[in-house]
Structures are given as C-alpha cells and as structure tokens.
Protein backbone atom coordinates (compact mmCIF):
# COMPACT_ATOMS: atom_id res chain seq x y z
CA MET A 1 0.00 0.00 0.00
CA GLN A 2 2.82 2.38 0.91
CA GLN A 3 4.55 1.72 -2.42
CA LEU A 4 1.34 2.47 -4.33
CA LEU A 5 0.90 5.74 -2.46
CA THR A 6 4.52 6.67 -3.13
CA GLU A 7 4.05 5.93 -6.84
CA ILE A 8 0.89 8.05 -7.01
CA VAL A 9 2.58 11.00 -5.29
CA ALA A 10 5.63 10.69 -7.55
CA LYS A 11 3.42 11.09 -10.63
CA TYR A 12 1.31 13.96 -9.30
CA ASN A 13 1.64 15.95 -12.52
CA TYR A 14 -0.10 13.19 -14.51
CA TRP A 15 -2.97 13.18 -12.02
CA LEU A 16 -3.25 16.93 -12.44
CA TYR A 17 -3.49 16.51 -16.22
CA VAL A 18 -6.23 13.91 -15.82
CA VAL A 19 -8.18 16.26 -13.54
CA LEU A 20 -7.80 19.10 -16.05
CA MET A 21 -8.94 16.83 -18.88
CA MET A 22 -12.02 15.76 -16.94
CA ILE A 23 -12.88 19.37 -16.09
CA GLY A 24 -12.61 20.30 -19.75
CA PHE A 25 -14.56 17.23 -20.85
CA TYR A 26 -17.34 17.98 -18.37
CA ALA A 27 -17.54 21.58 -19.58
CA MET A 28 -17.84 20.44 -23.19
CA ILE A 29 -20.47 17.79 -22.50
CA GLY A 30 -22.36 19.10 -19.47
CA LYS A 31 -22.72 22.82 -20.11
CA ARG A 32 -25.31 24.36 -22.42
CA ASN A 33 -23.63 27.73 -22.97
CA LEU A 34 -21.45 27.72 -26.09
CA VAL A 35 -18.78 29.95 -24.55
CA LYS A 36 -18.46 27.53 -21.63
CA LYS A 37 -18.13 24.66 -24.09
CA LEU A 38 -15.34 26.52 -25.87
CA LEU A 39 -13.61 27.24 -22.56
CA GLY A 40 -13.87 23.54 -21.70
CA MET A 41 -12.29 22.64 -25.03
CA ASN A 42 -9.40 25.00 -24.30
CA ILE A 43 -8.87 23.46 -20.85
CA PHE A 44 -8.87 19.99 -22.41
CA GLN A 45 -6.35 21.02 -25.07
CA THR A 46 -4.11 22.63 -22.45
CA ALA A 47 -4.10 19.44 -20.38
CA ILE A 48 -3.06 17.40 -23.41
CA ILE A 49 -0.29 19.84 -24.30
CA LEU A 50 1.04 19.81 -20.73
CA PHE A 51 0.95 16.00 -20.74
CA TYR A 52 2.98 15.71 -23.94
CA VAL A 53 5.52 18.28 -22.78
CA SER A 54 5.97 16.44 -19.49
CA ILE A 55 6.54 13.05 -21.13
CA GLY A 56 9.24 14.60 -23.30
CA VAL A 57 11.35 15.61 -20.29
CA LYS A 58 14.45 13.64 -19.24
CA ARG A 59 16.15 14.54 -16.00
CA GLY A 60 19.88 15.07 -16.37
CA ALA A 61 19.83 14.90 -20.17
CA ASN A 62 21.55 17.36 -22.49
CA ILE A 63 20.23 19.41 -25.36
CA PRO A 64 20.50 17.68 -28.77
CA ILE A 65 23.41 19.82 -29.97
CA VAL A 66 26.61 17.79 -30.05
CA ASP A 67 30.19 18.38 -31.11
CA LYS A 68 30.84 16.65 -34.44
CA HIS A 69 34.32 15.45 -33.46
CA ALA A 70 33.20 14.10 -30.10
CA ALA A 71 30.23 12.36 -31.69
CA LEU A 72 32.38 10.70 -34.36
CA SER A 73 35.05 9.55 -31.96
CA HIS A 74 32.96 8.53 -28.92
CA GLY A 75 29.44 8.15 -30.30
CA ILE A 76 26.24 9.52 -28.81
CA ASP A 77 24.32 7.97 -25.93
CA ALA A 78 20.67 8.49 -26.89
CA ALA A 79 19.59 8.16 -23.26
CA GLN A 80 21.56 11.30 -22.39
CA VAL A 81 20.00 13.53 -25.08
CA ILE A 82 16.56 15.16 -24.95
CA ASN A 83 14.24 14.44 -27.86
CA PRO A 84 12.91 17.84 -29.02
CA LEU A 85 10.11 16.39 -31.15
CA PRO A 86 7.34 16.36 -28.49
CA HIS A 87 8.05 19.98 -27.61
CA VAL A 88 8.07 21.09 -31.24
CA LEU A 89 4.81 19.27 -31.93
CA MET A 90 3.21 20.95 -28.93
CA LEU A 91 4.26 24.36 -30.22
CA THR A 92 2.33 23.49 -33.37
CA ALA A 93 -0.61 22.32 -31.26
CA ILE A 94 -0.62 25.64 -29.38
CA VAL A 95 -0.79 27.57 -32.65
CA VAL A 96 -3.64 25.37 -33.88
CA SER A 97 -5.45 25.75 -30.55
CA VAL A 98 -5.26 29.54 -30.65
CA SER A 99 -6.45 29.55 -34.27
CA VAL A 100 -9.39 27.27 -33.53
CA THR A 101 -10.34 29.42 -30.54
CA GLY A 102 -10.26 32.58 -32.67
CA VAL A 103 -12.45 31.05 -35.37
CA ALA A 104 -14.83 29.63 -32.76
CA LEU A 105 -15.17 33.03 -31.07
CA ALA A 106 -15.95 34.65 -34.43
CA ILE A 107 -18.63 32.01 -35.05
CA LEU A 108 -20.05 32.59 -31.56
CA VAL A 109 -20.30 36.32 -32.25
CA ARG A 110 -22.20 35.54 -35.45
CA ILE A 111 -24.51 33.10 -33.63
CA HIS A 112 -25.24 35.68 -30.94
CA ARG A 113 -26.08 38.31 -33.54
CA GLU A 114 -28.40 35.88 -35.34
CA TYR A 115 -30.21 34.33 -32.36
CA GLY A 116 -29.60 36.78 -29.51
CA THR A 117 -28.29 34.08 -27.20
CA LEU A 118 -25.48 31.58 -26.77
CA GLU A 119 -27.53 29.01 -24.85
CA GLU A 120 -27.73 25.80 -26.84
CA ASP A 121 -31.31 24.97 -25.84
CA GLU A 122 -32.63 28.40 -26.82
CA ILE A 123 -30.84 28.32 -30.16
CA LEU A 124 -32.25 24.86 -30.97
CA GLU A 125 -35.71 26.06 -29.96
CA LYS A 126 -35.47 29.08 -32.28
CA ILE A 127 -34.21 26.93 -35.16
CA SER A 128 -37.02 24.37 -34.81
CA SER A 129 -39.84 26.95 -34.60
C-alpha cells in the first residue's frame, strides 16, 4: 500500500493533467452555454499539451546539440539527449489551438447576432420553430 501511495505522489503531474482533462470534458459535454463549451475545449487542449511536454522531459539529459568530433570519436548515448520532437509538436498544437479558438469566437459572435443568445437549448428552440 505504501509503495502504491509513493508511486501516485511521484506522478502527481499526470494526475493533475487527468483532472484538467475531466474538467474540460465535463464543460464540453455538461454545459449548455457555447462559450463555456469553448472554454472547456481549451482546458482539455491545455491538459493534453502539458501532458505531452511532461513526457518529453528527461532529468539530467543534455540538449540535442553535439560536437561533431566528439560524436564521431565517442558516439552519442541516446539516453543522455533530450528528444525535441514532443516539444516542437506541442508548439504546433498551441498555434492550432489559438487559431481554432479565434475562429470559434468569431462564429459565436455571429450566432449571438443571429439568435440573440449563446444558450444551446434556446438556439435549438429558435431553429425548430
């Protein structure tokens, strides 16, 4: 039992990401206001980005810039070099997230002008009548 508790505490950041994902998922599914749904989507995306950045971290590793002569003569230990790919991909994900949020906000402004509300139930009622 003690070992399980120690393991859970050691991975506290992953538990935090799961909590953030569930908060975002609840906001997307459970709320009826479209702005709250968009905010939930942003929280969910942020949790995923934080998760990928954290799994790309290696304690005690070096940056992936090596001396050519040292690499040719001694080789490179891959375990001692950080892989920059997860971080670069998450930079791309951040740009896409901001773009999607901007487009979604523009659509929400248009919906509010058309229907006078951002509540999903009221919009569906006005569309059906």
